Amino acid sequence: MVSRAMDIASVRQTVLDGRTKGIPGTTAPFALADIADKNWNVLAEDMPLPLMVLKRSNLDHNSKIFAEYLGENDLSLAPHGKTTMSPQLFDEQLQHGAWGVTAATVNQVQVMRHYGVTRIVLANQLVGKANVLSVVADMNADPNFEFFCFVDSIAQLKNIQSHLIPMAQGRPIGVLVEIGAIGGRTGLRKKEHALALIGEIARHPSHFKFCGIGAFEGAIPGLDKSATPVTAFSDLILDIAQNIPKSAYAGLEEFILTGGGSSYFDIIAERFNTLKMDIPVRVLLRSGCYVTNDHGAYRTAQEEARHDPNRPWNAQFRPALEVWSYVQSLPEPGLGFLTMGKRDVPFDAGLPVPFKRYRPGTGFLDIGDCEIFNTNDQHAYVRFFPNSDWQVGDMICSGISHPCTAFDKWRFIPVVNDDYDVTDGVLTYF
């Protein structure tokens, strides 16, 4: 089944006004669909700062090169929606060939379903009455909705089942047995435990349908030193898959083998593509941050992959997220403050990196030697090195590290062209 088009018309009719972060306070209410008619330009100070923007050209570049990579390597993609939680971006990803969308919570599933996503992977454990009932009710209501969730223990399976018994279930829940690494995050650590869980799933065909194996390699211990643990982890997963009794997947049209975040997806894809079974194998990546990349952790990971002769990835994503802020105070020599902080930018995987400076009425100027070394709720601390000529009112463009904790700080994000004209906007639903 091909994923159907989403219905995002209601998103574009959402009314914005001066109460919305990023919208000028003097603005009368208007529909998001009409934002281009405002003729706003970020550099002309038409919008209040701080402001996070999406560069249209870089979004399109990233989508294009990743779609080419997927096609050349016979891979499928269910991008992790938790990165952006933007139905408009989900829609773009599906239009570029995504097989489905990945969620991390049932609340995220509900947002995706509201806007018409028809195939969702919950790459997490489904647990608890309200969560189970929500998913099954949606499956019962829409025969075209395909749902898969991770299971990593018989105890979890029984938790789900305890909530299924009293309700009418039109079809079984698709489950993917999750494999994890010792010292890592969720997932089974041993082959015998995985095979035992698969056997237990088979004993409850009215409630569950075994569909394949899932994993996440980004939380494996030792990745701070090298990517080598990813290969060993992949081989464990392949060993488990090759030892699954044929009877466990005899009724499937395909076997789903899914992994691949945004840092090591090329290793996962290369190893997973070696799996041969009696039925077709769908190697499904769940990379989410590729769509914007960043100026920090993911950019570093991508560069390491591109310059490693043993890694198959050699393309280059472009950072599509920027945060603009003003220089608001220069209270001491060598110290300045920007009008952005923890409420505006991520700080969990590295602080923002200033890389452009624009002075209204003058134009772009050299950024100089500087670094952001701390943030408060609404302030960024900047350390200057000698001969800085920054002034209060200068506009500073900073790159971020970790898109997942950047999008969640903005309900509205303008989309800009390379001249910083606002051509569109996206909304997020965290």
Foldseek 3Di string as FASTA:
>chain_A
DQWDAWACPVQQQDWDALVAQFAPNVGDIDGQVCVLVVFDFVLQVNTDDFAKAFAPVQLVVLLVVVLVVCVVLVAAEAAECLLFQFPVVNNVNSVSPHRFHEYQALVSVVSNVVGRGQEYENAYQQADQVSLVVVQVVCVVDVSRAYEYEDAAVVSVVRSVVNVVVDDGPAAHEYAYEDDDVVFDDHHHDLVRSLVVLVVQVVCRRHYQYAAHEYEDPGYPPVVPHPVVVLVSLVRRLVSVVPHPCVSCVPPQEHEYEYAELQQNQSNSVSVVVRDDPHHYHYYYHYHCSSAQWPFDSQVSLVVQLPDPVGPDNDHRHHGMKTKWWFADDPDVQKTKTFAFLLAADPPRHAWAWAWKAAPPPGTDGPADKGFDHGDHGITMMGHDPPDPDDGGIMTMIIGDRSSSRSVSRQKHFHAHPSRGGNGIIGRDD
